[in-house]
Amino acid sequence: MTTTHWFYLIAAGLFEIGWPLGLKLSAIPSYKILGPIIAVISMAISGILLWLSLKGISIGTAYAVWTGIGAAGTFIIGVLFFNDPSILLRWIGVSLIILGVIFLKVA
């Protein structure tokens, strides 16, 4: 396990945020074409980077971190830019996801 594999994994998680963002943007008329393009490109890059990370990180850890970054990041973007509900229980939930990712990295 090297730093490079973790870099790939974190980058994969960040691109994982791009596909639901692209799908959300596609509901806006001016992004009807660009939104799906963003989604497909993000999916492809995220998948390739996840694949690269798996060469040095166990699959269970990598998958949990990848989906955790995607879920937490998408939640935060939804709250900040799309007026998704921002209530305490939702923030506690996303905090637990982030803590789980941290515990997997430390373990």
Protein backbone atom coordinates (compact mmCIF):
# COMPACT_ATOMS: atom_id res chain seq x y z
CA MET A 1 0.00 0.00 0.00
CA THR A 2 1.51 3.30 -1.07
CA THR A 3 0.60 6.94 -0.94
CA THR A 4 -0.03 6.78 -4.68
CA HIS A 5 -2.80 4.22 -4.22
CA TRP A 6 -4.46 6.42 -1.62
CA PHE A 7 -4.15 9.42 -3.96
CA TYR A 8 -5.91 7.40 -6.68
CA LEU A 9 -8.62 6.38 -4.23
CA ILE A 10 -9.29 9.89 -2.94
CA ALA A 11 -9.36 11.25 -6.51
CA ALA A 12 -11.74 8.41 -7.48
CA GLY A 13 -14.02 9.39 -4.59
CA LEU A 14 -14.02 13.03 -5.70
CA PHE A 15 -14.93 12.04 -9.27
CA GLU A 16 -17.63 9.81 -7.78
CA ILE A 17 -19.32 13.07 -6.72
CA GLY A 18 -19.35 14.20 -10.36
CA TRP A 19 -21.85 11.74 -11.74
CA PRO A 20 -24.81 12.52 -9.45
CA LEU A 21 -23.92 16.20 -9.84
CA GLY A 22 -24.06 15.83 -13.62
CA LEU A 23 -27.40 14.04 -13.40
CA LYS A 24 -28.77 16.78 -11.13
CA LEU A 25 -27.52 19.48 -13.51
CA SER A 26 -29.21 17.74 -16.45
CA ALA A 27 -32.58 18.79 -14.96
CA ILE A 28 -31.59 22.43 -15.63
CA PRO A 29 -32.46 23.32 -19.25
CA SER A 30 -29.10 24.97 -19.99
CA TYR A 31 -27.29 21.79 -18.79
CA LYS A 32 -29.52 19.26 -20.56
CA ILE A 33 -26.60 18.02 -22.70
CA LEU A 34 -23.60 19.00 -20.54
CA GLY A 35 -25.00 17.37 -17.37
CA PRO A 36 -25.03 13.81 -18.74
CA ILE A 37 -21.61 14.38 -20.33
CA ILE A 38 -20.23 15.39 -16.93
CA ALA A 39 -21.87 12.32 -15.38
CA VAL A 40 -20.45 9.83 -17.90
CA ILE A 41 -16.93 11.32 -17.85
CA SER A 42 -16.95 11.39 -14.04
CA MET A 43 -18.09 7.74 -13.88
CA ALA A 44 -15.34 6.65 -16.25
CA ILE A 45 -12.56 8.56 -14.47
CA SER A 46 -13.81 7.44 -11.06
CA GLY A 47 -13.88 3.80 -12.14
CA ILE A 48 -10.39 3.91 -13.64
CA LEU A 49 -8.94 5.59 -10.55
CA LEU A 50 -10.68 3.08 -8.27
CA TRP A 51 -9.21 0.26 -10.35
CA LEU A 52 -5.72 1.77 -10.01
CA SER A 53 -6.15 2.15 -6.24
CA LEU A 54 -7.14 -1.52 -5.89
CA LYS A 55 -3.62 -2.54 -6.89
CA GLY A 56 -2.46 -1.48 -3.42
CA ILE A 57 -5.53 -1.19 -1.17
CA SER A 58 -7.86 -3.99 -0.10
CA ILE A 59 -11.17 -4.06 -1.95
CA GLY A 60 -13.33 -3.71 1.16
CA THR A 61 -11.47 -0.65 2.39
CA ALA A 62 -11.23 0.91 -1.06
CA TYR A 63 -14.92 0.46 -1.82
CA ALA A 64 -16.02 1.85 1.54
CA VAL A 65 -13.75 4.89 1.22
CA TRP A 66 -14.77 5.47 -2.41
CA THR A 67 -18.49 5.35 -1.72
CA GLY A 68 -18.06 7.28 1.55
CA ILE A 69 -16.33 10.17 -0.19
CA GLY A 70 -18.97 10.09 -2.92
CA ALA A 71 -21.89 9.99 -0.49
CA ALA A 72 -20.56 12.65 1.88
CA GLY A 73 -19.41 14.91 -0.94
CA THR A 74 -22.69 14.64 -2.80
CA PHE A 75 -24.61 15.38 0.39
CA ILE A 76 -22.53 18.51 1.07
CA ILE A 77 -22.89 19.77 -2.52
CA GLY A 78 -26.64 19.17 -2.33
CA VAL A 79 -26.91 21.22 0.86
CA LEU A 80 -24.63 24.03 -0.33
CA PHE A 81 -25.82 24.42 -3.93
CA PHE A 82 -29.20 22.73 -4.36
CA ASN A 83 -31.02 23.64 -1.15
CA ASP A 84 -31.21 20.04 0.07
CA PRO A 85 -32.43 19.77 3.67
CA SER A 86 -29.77 20.69 6.21
CA ILE A 87 -30.97 19.23 9.49
CA LEU A 88 -28.92 17.94 12.40
CA LEU A 89 -29.71 14.25 11.88
CA ARG A 90 -28.51 14.40 8.26
CA TRP A 91 -25.25 16.06 9.37
CA ILE A 92 -24.79 13.42 12.06
CA GLY A 93 -25.31 10.72 9.43
CA VAL A 94 -22.74 12.17 7.04
CA SER A 95 -20.35 12.66 9.97
CA LEU A 96 -20.66 8.96 10.79
CA ILE A 97 -19.81 8.11 7.18
CA ILE A 98 -16.71 10.31 7.36
CA LEU A 99 -15.69 8.80 10.71
CA GLY A 100 -16.08 5.32 9.25
CA VAL A 101 -13.79 6.24 6.37
CA ILE A 102 -11.22 7.65 8.80
CA PHE A 103 -11.34 4.48 10.93
CA LEU A 104 -10.80 2.32 7.84
CA LYS A 105 -7.76 4.40 6.88
CA VAL A 106 -6.26 4.26 10.38
CA ALA A 107 -6.93 0.53 10.92
